[in-house]
Amino acid sequence: MLTVAETRQAWLGFFTDVDVRKLDYLLELRKTYHVHILSNTNPFVMSWARSPEFSPAGKPLDDYVEQLYLSYQIGYTKPAREIFDFMLKDSGMIPAETLFVDDGASNVRIGRELGFLTFQPENATDWREELAAAIVYYSSRNGNEVNDNLAGYN
């Protein structure tokens, strides 16, 4: 039987260095947008992500986003509609004015069905330029502006 510490170490073995450029980009986005994370994750990963060990700057993930919506706390995982409903009710987001970013096709599909503007970057890529282009694209469309919410990714 594994100890809690061994289980945590096993989960964290999936992670390499956090890309500081992406974290800095999130801070830039927060100057204009509310940035939320809706994540299918577990307590082992979040114990690391919510600690100073997360970033080279000694900042936890919470410092880079406004709110974390975590599957293990909510009781549902993406793509279940209930996890989205919880986030929408709690945050007051309006899907038609919110860009939902996720690398999972089924998650993006349900996001679109729920009325979100969506963007699906390829996993493990530098998606910053593509995301900036998606924000410009959606913001330029009549009646479908990204007003002040970005949600998702993971």
N, C-alpha and C. Protein backbone atom coordinates (compact mmCIF):
# COMPACT_ATOMS: atom_id res chain seq x y z
N MET A 1 0.84 -1.18 0.00
CA MET A 1 0.00 0.00 0.00
C MET A 1 0.89 1.25 0.00
N LEU A 2 0.51 2.22 -0.80
CA LEU A 2 1.26 3.47 -0.89
C LEU A 2 0.86 4.44 0.20
N THR A 3 1.82 5.21 0.65
CA THR A 3 1.52 6.27 1.61
C THR A 3 0.98 7.48 0.85
N VAL A 4 0.45 8.43 1.57
CA VAL A 4 -0.03 9.67 0.96
C VAL A 4 1.13 10.37 0.25
N ALA A 5 2.28 10.42 0.88
CA ALA A 5 3.45 11.08 0.29
C ALA A 5 3.89 10.38 -1.00
N GLU A 6 3.86 9.05 -1.02
CA GLU A 6 4.23 8.31 -2.23
C GLU A 6 3.22 8.53 -3.35
N THR A 7 1.96 8.58 -3.01
CA THR A 7 0.92 8.82 -4.01
C THR A 7 1.05 10.23 -4.60
N ARG A 8 1.29 11.19 -3.73
CA ARG A 8 1.49 12.57 -4.19
C ARG A 8 2.69 12.64 -5.13
N GLN A 9 3.78 12.02 -4.77
CA GLN A 9 4.99 12.02 -5.61
C GLN A 9 4.71 11.37 -6.96
N ALA A 10 3.93 10.30 -6.97
CA ALA A 10 3.59 9.63 -8.23
C ALA A 10 2.80 10.56 -9.14
N TRP A 11 1.80 11.26 -8.59
CA TRP A 11 1.01 12.19 -9.39
C TRP A 11 1.87 13.33 -9.92
N LEU A 12 2.72 13.86 -9.06
CA LEU A 12 3.54 15.00 -9.47
C LEU A 12 4.61 14.60 -10.48
N GLY A 13 4.87 13.32 -10.63
CA GLY A 13 5.81 12.85 -11.64
C GLY A 13 5.35 13.13 -13.06
N PHE A 14 4.05 13.41 -13.24
CA PHE A 14 3.52 13.74 -14.56
C PHE A 14 3.87 15.16 -14.98
N PHE A 15 4.28 15.99 -14.03
CA PHE A 15 4.50 17.39 -14.31
C PHE A 15 5.98 17.71 -14.42
N THR A 16 6.29 18.57 -15.38
CA THR A 16 7.64 19.08 -15.51
C THR A 16 7.60 20.55 -15.11
N ASP A 17 8.59 21.29 -15.48
CA ASP A 17 8.60 22.71 -15.13
C ASP A 17 7.38 23.44 -15.69
N VAL A 18 6.89 24.37 -14.93
CA VAL A 18 5.78 25.21 -15.37
C VAL A 18 6.36 26.29 -16.28
N ASP A 19 5.70 26.53 -17.40
CA ASP A 19 6.15 27.54 -18.35
C ASP A 19 5.85 28.93 -17.80
N VAL A 20 6.88 29.61 -17.35
CA VAL A 20 6.73 30.93 -16.75
C VAL A 20 6.11 31.92 -17.72
N ARG A 21 6.39 31.78 -19.01
CA ARG A 21 5.80 32.69 -20.01
C ARG A 21 4.28 32.60 -20.00
N LYS A 22 3.76 31.40 -19.83
CA LYS A 22 2.30 31.24 -19.79
C LYS A 22 1.73 31.82 -18.50
N LEU A 23 2.44 31.65 -17.41
CA LEU A 23 1.97 32.25 -16.16
C LEU A 23 1.96 33.76 -16.25
N ASP A 24 3.02 34.33 -16.82
CA ASP A 24 3.07 35.79 -17.01
C ASP A 24 1.94 36.25 -17.93
N TYR A 25 1.64 35.44 -18.94
CA TYR A 25 0.54 35.76 -19.85
C TYR A 25 -0.79 35.77 -19.11
N LEU A 26 -0.98 34.83 -18.21
CA LEU A 26 -2.21 34.83 -17.42
C LEU A 26 -2.34 36.11 -16.60
N LEU A 27 -1.22 36.56 -16.05
CA LEU A 27 -1.25 37.83 -15.29
C LEU A 27 -1.61 39.00 -16.20
N GLU A 28 -1.11 38.99 -17.43
CA GLU A 28 -1.46 40.04 -18.39
C GLU A 28 -2.96 39.98 -18.71
N LEU A 29 -3.47 38.77 -18.95
CA LEU A 29 -4.90 38.62 -19.25
C LEU A 29 -5.77 39.12 -18.10
N ARG A 30 -5.31 38.92 -16.89
CA ARG A 30 -6.09 39.35 -15.72
C ARG A 30 -6.23 40.86 -15.62
N LYS A 31 -5.40 41.61 -16.33
CA LYS A 31 -5.55 43.06 -16.34
C LYS A 31 -6.82 43.48 -17.05
N THR A 32 -7.32 42.62 -17.95
CA THR A 32 -8.51 42.93 -18.74
C THR A 32 -9.67 41.97 -18.47
N TYR A 33 -9.35 40.73 -18.16
CA TYR A 33 -10.36 39.67 -18.06
C TYR A 33 -10.34 39.02 -16.68
N HIS A 34 -11.47 38.41 -16.34
CA HIS A 34 -11.53 37.51 -15.20
C HIS A 34 -11.05 36.17 -15.72
N VAL A 35 -10.06 35.59 -15.11
CA VAL A 35 -9.51 34.32 -15.56
C VAL A 35 -9.81 33.26 -14.50
N HIS A 36 -10.49 32.22 -14.92
CA HIS A 36 -10.88 31.12 -14.05
C HIS A 36 -10.31 29.83 -14.60
N ILE A 37 -10.11 28.86 -13.73
CA ILE A 37 -9.71 27.53 -14.18
C ILE A 37 -10.79 26.55 -13.75
N LEU A 38 -11.24 25.76 -14.72
CA LEU A 38 -12.17 24.65 -14.50
C LEU A 38 -11.37 23.40 -14.79
N SER A 39 -11.06 22.62 -13.77
CA SER A 39 -10.09 21.54 -13.94
C SER A 39 -10.56 20.20 -13.39
N ASN A 40 -10.33 19.17 -14.18
CA ASN A 40 -10.47 17.80 -13.71
C ASN A 40 -9.14 17.44 -13.06
N THR A 41 -9.08 17.55 -11.78
CA THR A 41 -7.82 17.33 -11.08
C THR A 41 -8.06 16.60 -9.78
N ASN A 42 -7.04 16.50 -8.99
CA ASN A 42 -7.16 15.79 -7.72
C ASN A 42 -6.41 16.55 -6.62
N PRO A 43 -6.64 16.18 -5.37
CA PRO A 43 -6.00 16.91 -4.27
C PRO A 43 -4.48 16.83 -4.28
N PHE A 44 -3.90 15.77 -4.80
CA PHE A 44 -2.44 15.65 -4.81
C PHE A 44 -1.82 16.71 -5.72
N VAL A 45 -2.38 16.84 -6.91
CA VAL A 45 -1.87 17.84 -7.85
C VAL A 45 -2.12 19.24 -7.31
N MET A 46 -3.30 19.47 -6.77
CA MET A 46 -3.61 20.82 -6.29
C MET A 46 -2.83 21.19 -5.04
N SER A 47 -2.43 20.22 -4.24
CA SER A 47 -1.61 20.56 -3.07
C SER A 47 -0.28 21.16 -3.52
N TRP A 48 0.22 20.71 -4.65
CA TRP A 48 1.44 21.28 -5.23
C TRP A 48 1.12 22.60 -5.93
N ALA A 49 0.07 22.60 -6.79
CA ALA A 49 -0.25 23.79 -7.58
C ALA A 49 -0.65 24.98 -6.71
N ARG A 50 -1.19 24.72 -5.55
CA ARG A 50 -1.62 25.81 -4.67
C ARG A 50 -0.57 26.13 -3.62
N SER A 51 0.67 25.72 -3.89
CA SER A 51 1.77 26.00 -2.97
C SER A 51 2.83 26.87 -3.66
N PRO A 52 3.75 27.45 -2.90
CA PRO A 52 4.84 28.23 -3.50
C PRO A 52 5.76 27.40 -4.40
N GLU A 53 5.73 26.07 -4.29
CA GLU A 53 6.53 25.20 -5.14
C GLU A 53 6.08 25.25 -6.60
N PHE A 54 4.88 25.72 -6.86
CA PHE A 54 4.29 25.69 -8.20
C PHE A 54 5.10 26.47 -9.22
N SER A 55 5.53 27.66 -8.88
CA SER A 55 6.20 28.51 -9.88
C SER A 55 7.58 28.93 -9.41
N PRO A 56 8.45 29.23 -10.35
CA PRO A 56 9.77 29.73 -9.99
C PRO A 56 9.71 31.03 -9.18
N ALA A 57 8.62 31.78 -9.33
CA ALA A 57 8.46 33.02 -8.58
C ALA A 57 7.98 32.76 -7.15
N GLY A 58 7.74 31.49 -6.83
CA GLY A 58 7.27 31.17 -5.48
C GLY A 58 5.80 31.47 -5.27
N LYS A 59 5.05 31.58 -6.38
CA LYS A 59 3.63 31.90 -6.29
C LYS A 59 2.80 30.65 -6.57
N PRO A 60 1.72 30.48 -5.84
CA PRO A 60 0.81 29.38 -6.14
C PRO A 60 -0.07 29.72 -7.34
N LEU A 61 -0.69 28.70 -7.91
CA LEU A 61 -1.59 28.89 -9.05
C LEU A 61 -2.67 29.92 -8.75
N ASP A 62 -3.15 29.97 -7.52
CA ASP A 62 -4.20 30.91 -7.14
C ASP A 62 -3.83 32.36 -7.44
N ASP A 63 -2.54 32.68 -7.45
CA ASP A 63 -2.09 34.05 -7.71
C ASP A 63 -2.23 34.43 -9.19
N TYR A 64 -2.43 33.44 -10.05
CA TYR A 64 -2.48 33.69 -11.49
C TYR A 64 -3.90 33.72 -12.05
N VAL A 65 -4.86 33.30 -11.26
CA VAL A 65 -6.25 33.26 -11.71
C VAL A 65 -7.16 33.80 -10.62
N GLU A 66 -8.36 34.15 -11.04
CA GLU A 66 -9.32 34.67 -10.06
C GLU A 66 -9.95 33.56 -9.23
N GLN A 67 -10.26 32.46 -9.89
CA GLN A 67 -10.98 31.38 -9.21
C GLN A 67 -10.61 30.04 -9.81
N LEU A 68 -10.50 29.04 -8.96
CA LEU A 68 -10.28 27.66 -9.38
C LEU A 68 -11.56 26.87 -9.13
N TYR A 69 -12.04 26.19 -10.15
CA TYR A 69 -13.18 25.29 -10.02
C TYR A 69 -12.64 23.89 -10.24
N LEU A 70 -12.60 23.10 -9.18
CA LEU A 70 -11.90 21.83 -9.17
C LEU A 70 -12.89 20.67 -9.06
N SER A 71 -12.75 19.73 -9.97
CA SER A 71 -13.68 18.62 -10.07
C SER A 71 -13.84 17.86 -8.76
N TYR A 72 -12.76 17.61 -8.06
CA TYR A 72 -12.87 16.81 -6.84
C TYR A 72 -13.60 17.57 -5.73
N GLN A 73 -13.66 18.89 -5.81
CA GLN A 73 -14.43 19.66 -4.82
C GLN A 73 -15.89 19.78 -5.22
N ILE A 74 -16.13 19.89 -6.52
CA ILE A 74 -17.49 20.10 -7.02
C ILE A 74 -18.27 18.78 -7.09
N GLY A 75 -17.56 17.69 -7.34
CA GLY A 75 -18.22 16.39 -7.41
C GLY A 75 -18.59 15.93 -8.81
N TYR A 76 -18.16 16.67 -9.81
CA TYR A 76 -18.39 16.31 -11.21
C TYR A 76 -17.11 16.61 -11.99
N THR A 77 -16.93 15.90 -13.08
CA THR A 77 -15.78 16.17 -13.95
C THR A 77 -16.26 16.59 -15.32
N LYS A 78 -15.42 17.39 -16.00
CA LYS A 78 -15.71 17.72 -17.38
C LYS A 78 -15.70 16.43 -18.17
N PRO A 79 -16.57 16.22 -19.08
CA PRO A 79 -17.51 17.16 -19.68
C PRO A 79 -18.92 17.17 -19.09
N ALA A 80 -19.12 16.72 -17.87
CA ALA A 80 -20.46 16.73 -17.28
C ALA A 80 -20.99 18.16 -17.20
N ARG A 81 -22.21 18.31 -17.63
CA ARG A 81 -22.85 19.64 -17.62
C ARG A 81 -22.87 20.25 -16.22
N GLU A 82 -23.01 19.42 -15.20
CA GLU A 82 -23.14 19.90 -13.82
C GLU A 82 -21.94 20.73 -13.36
N ILE A 83 -20.75 20.37 -13.80
CA ILE A 83 -19.57 21.14 -13.39
C ILE A 83 -19.60 22.53 -14.01
N PHE A 84 -20.07 22.61 -15.25
CA PHE A 84 -20.21 23.91 -15.91
C PHE A 84 -21.31 24.72 -15.24
N ASP A 85 -22.43 24.07 -14.95
CA ASP A 85 -23.54 24.76 -14.28
C ASP A 85 -23.09 25.35 -12.94
N PHE A 86 -22.30 24.59 -12.19
CA PHE A 86 -21.79 25.08 -10.92
C PHE A 86 -20.94 26.32 -11.12
N MET A 87 -20.02 26.25 -12.08
CA MET A 87 -19.13 27.39 -12.34
C MET A 87 -19.93 28.62 -12.78
N LEU A 88 -20.89 28.42 -13.66
CA LEU A 88 -21.70 29.54 -14.14
C LEU A 88 -22.48 30.19 -13.01
N LYS A 89 -23.10 29.38 -12.18
CA LYS A 89 -23.89 29.92 -11.07
C LYS A 89 -23.00 30.66 -10.08
N ASP A 90 -21.85 30.08 -9.75
CA ASP A 90 -20.97 30.67 -8.77
C ASP A 90 -20.32 31.96 -9.26
N SER A 91 -19.95 31.99 -10.53
CA SER A 91 -19.19 33.13 -11.06
C SER A 91 -20.05 34.22 -11.67
N GLY A 92 -21.26 33.86 -12.08
CA GLY A 92 -22.10 34.83 -12.79
C GLY A 92 -21.71 35.01 -14.24
N MET A 93 -20.88 34.12 -14.76
CA MET A 93 -20.47 34.21 -16.18
C MET A 93 -21.67 34.09 -17.09
N ILE A 94 -21.59 34.74 -18.22
CA ILE A 94 -22.56 34.59 -19.29
C ILE A 94 -21.84 33.83 -20.40
N PRO A 95 -22.26 32.59 -20.72
CA PRO A 95 -21.52 31.80 -21.68
C PRO A 95 -21.24 32.50 -23.01
N ALA A 96 -22.19 33.23 -23.55
CA ALA A 96 -22.00 33.89 -24.85
C ALA A 96 -20.94 35.00 -24.79
N GLU A 97 -20.54 35.38 -23.58
CA GLU A 97 -19.52 36.42 -23.41
C GLU A 97 -18.25 35.86 -22.77
N THR A 98 -18.15 34.54 -22.74
CA THR A 98 -17.03 33.88 -22.06
C THR A 98 -16.31 32.95 -23.02
N LEU A 99 -15.01 33.10 -23.09
CA LEU A 99 -14.20 32.21 -23.91
C LEU A 99 -13.76 31.03 -23.05
N PHE A 100 -14.18 29.84 -23.43
CA PHE A 100 -13.81 28.61 -22.74
C PHE A 100 -12.66 27.97 -23.50
N VAL A 101 -11.55 27.76 -22.82
CA VAL A 101 -10.33 27.21 -23.42
C VAL A 101 -10.07 25.85 -22.80
N ASP A 102 -9.92 24.84 -23.65
CA ASP A 102 -9.65 23.49 -23.14
C ASP A 102 -9.00 22.68 -24.25
N ASP A 103 -8.10 21.76 -23.87
CA ASP A 103 -7.44 20.94 -24.87
C ASP A 103 -8.17 19.63 -25.15
N GLY A 104 -9.29 19.40 -24.49
CA GLY A 104 -10.08 18.18 -24.72
C GLY A 104 -11.27 18.44 -25.62
N ALA A 105 -11.37 17.66 -26.69
CA ALA A 105 -12.45 17.86 -27.67
C ALA A 105 -13.83 17.72 -27.04
N SER A 106 -14.04 16.73 -26.16
CA SER A 106 -15.36 16.55 -25.56
C SER A 106 -15.70 17.70 -24.62
N ASN A 107 -14.70 18.27 -23.97
CA ASN A 107 -14.94 19.42 -23.10
C ASN A 107 -15.31 20.65 -23.91
N VAL A 108 -14.61 20.86 -25.01
CA VAL A 108 -14.90 22.00 -25.88
C VAL A 108 -16.29 21.84 -26.50
N ARG A 109 -16.63 20.61 -26.89
CA ARG A 109 -17.95 20.36 -27.49
C ARG A 109 -19.07 20.72 -26.51
N ILE A 110 -18.98 20.29 -25.25
CA ILE A 110 -20.03 20.63 -24.29
C ILE A 110 -20.02 22.12 -24.00
N GLY A 111 -18.85 22.73 -23.96
CA GLY A 111 -18.78 24.17 -23.78
C GLY A 111 -19.52 24.90 -24.87
N ARG A 112 -19.31 24.47 -26.11
CA ARG A 112 -20.00 25.08 -27.25
C ARG A 112 -21.51 24.86 -27.15
N GLU A 113 -21.92 23.64 -26.76
CA GLU A 113 -23.34 23.34 -26.61
C GLU A 113 -23.99 24.22 -25.55
N LEU A 114 -23.22 24.58 -24.54
CA LEU A 114 -23.74 25.44 -23.47
C LEU A 114 -23.70 26.92 -23.82
N GLY A 115 -23.19 27.24 -25.00
CA GLY A 115 -23.20 28.62 -25.47
C GLY A 115 -21.90 29.38 -25.30
N PHE A 116 -20.84 28.73 -24.80
CA PHE A 116 -19.56 29.39 -24.65
C PHE A 116 -18.91 29.62 -26.01
N LEU A 117 -18.13 30.67 -26.11
CA LEU A 117 -17.17 30.82 -27.19
C LEU A 117 -16.06 29.84 -26.83
N THR A 118 -15.47 29.18 -27.79
CA THR A 118 -14.51 28.14 -27.43
C THR A 118 -13.21 28.25 -28.21
N PHE A 119 -12.17 27.73 -27.60
CA PHE A 119 -10.85 27.63 -28.23
C PHE A 119 -10.19 26.36 -27.71
N GLN A 120 -9.70 25.53 -28.64
CA GLN A 120 -9.07 24.27 -28.27
C GLN A 120 -7.62 24.26 -28.75
N PRO A 121 -6.69 24.63 -27.88
CA PRO A 121 -5.28 24.56 -28.27
C PRO A 121 -4.80 23.11 -28.24
N GLU A 122 -3.75 22.87 -28.99
CA GLU A 122 -3.14 21.54 -28.95
C GLU A 122 -2.40 21.41 -27.62
N ASN A 123 -2.55 20.26 -26.99
CA ASN A 123 -1.92 20.02 -25.71
C ASN A 123 -0.40 20.16 -25.81
N ALA A 124 0.20 20.72 -24.79
CA ALA A 124 1.66 20.88 -24.67
C ALA A 124 2.25 21.81 -25.72
N THR A 125 1.46 22.79 -26.17
CA THR A 125 1.98 23.78 -27.12
C THR A 125 1.98 25.15 -26.45
N ASP A 126 2.66 26.08 -27.08
CA ASP A 126 2.61 27.47 -26.62
C ASP A 126 1.44 28.13 -27.33
N TRP A 127 0.32 28.21 -26.64
CA TRP A 127 -0.95 28.66 -27.21
C TRP A 127 -1.20 30.16 -27.06
N ARG A 128 -0.23 30.90 -26.58
CA ARG A 128 -0.49 32.31 -26.27
C ARG A 128 -0.90 33.12 -27.49
N GLU A 129 -0.19 33.00 -28.59
CA GLU A 129 -0.54 33.78 -29.79
C GLU A 129 -1.89 33.36 -30.34
N GLU A 130 -2.15 32.06 -30.35
CA GLU A 130 -3.44 31.57 -30.84
C GLU A 130 -4.59 32.06 -29.97
N LEU A 131 -4.37 32.06 -28.66
CA LEU A 131 -5.41 32.55 -27.76
C LEU A 131 -5.65 34.04 -27.97
N ALA A 132 -4.60 34.79 -28.13
CA ALA A 132 -4.75 36.23 -28.39
C ALA A 132 -5.55 36.45 -29.68
N ALA A 133 -5.26 35.65 -30.70
CA ALA A 133 -5.99 35.77 -31.97
C ALA A 133 -7.46 35.37 -31.79
N ALA A 134 -7.72 34.35 -30.98
CA ALA A 134 -9.11 33.94 -30.72
C ALA A 134 -9.87 35.03 -29.99
N ILE A 135 -9.22 35.69 -29.04
CA ILE A 135 -9.88 36.78 -28.32
C ILE A 135 -10.21 37.92 -29.27
N VAL A 136 -9.28 38.27 -30.14
CA VAL A 136 -9.52 39.34 -31.12
C VAL A 136 -10.66 38.93 -32.05
N TYR A 137 -10.62 37.69 -32.54
CA TYR A 137 -11.66 37.20 -33.45
C TYR A 137 -13.04 37.28 -32.82
N TYR A 138 -13.18 36.71 -31.64
CA TYR A 138 -14.49 36.71 -30.99
C TYR A 138 -14.93 38.12 -30.60
N SER A 139 -13.99 38.94 -30.20
CA SER A 139 -14.34 40.31 -29.80
C SER A 139 -14.78 41.15 -30.99
N SER A 140 -14.38 40.78 -32.20
CA SER A 140 -14.74 41.54 -33.39
C SER A 140 -16.08 41.13 -33.97
N ARG A 141 -16.63 40.01 -33.51
CA ARG A 141 -17.91 39.53 -34.05
C ARG A 141 -19.07 40.26 -33.37
N ASN A 142 -20.04 40.67 -34.16
CA ASN A 142 -21.21 41.35 -33.60
C ASN A 142 -22.00 40.42 -32.71
N GLY A 143 -22.33 40.91 -31.52
CA GLY A 143 -23.19 40.17 -30.61
C GLY A 143 -22.52 39.02 -29.89
N ASN A 144 -21.26 38.78 -30.14
CA ASN A 144 -20.57 37.68 -29.47
C ASN A 144 -19.22 38.14 -28.97
N GLU A 145 -19.21 39.09 -28.10
CA GLU A 145 -17.94 39.64 -27.61
C GLU A 145 -17.45 38.90 -26.39
N VAL A 146 -16.16 38.75 -26.30
CA VAL A 146 -15.54 38.26 -25.08
C VAL A 146 -15.46 39.49 -24.18
N ASN A 147 -16.39 39.60 -23.27
CA ASN A 147 -16.43 40.80 -22.43
C ASN A 147 -15.38 40.77 -21.34
N ASP A 148 -15.52 39.84 -20.40
CA ASP A 148 -14.55 39.90 -19.31
C ASP A 148 -14.29 38.56 -18.65
N ASN A 149 -14.57 37.48 -19.33
CA ASN A 149 -14.35 36.17 -18.71
C ASN A 149 -13.58 35.22 -19.61
N LEU A 150 -12.61 34.58 -19.04
CA LEU A 150 -11.91 33.47 -19.67
C LEU A 150 -12.01 32.32 -18.68
N ALA A 151 -12.40 31.17 -19.15
CA ALA A 151 -12.55 30.03 -18.26
C ALA A 151 -11.93 28.80 -18.88
N GLY A 152 -11.45 27.94 -18.04
CA GLY A 152 -11.05 26.63 -18.51
C GLY A 152 -9.58 26.38 -18.52
N TYR A 153 -9.22 25.52 -19.35
CA TYR A 153 -7.91 24.99 -19.61
C TYR A 153 -7.45 24.03 -18.54
N ASN A 154 -7.44 22.81 -18.94
CA ASN A 154 -6.87 21.65 -18.26
C ASN A 154 -7.80 20.50 -18.48
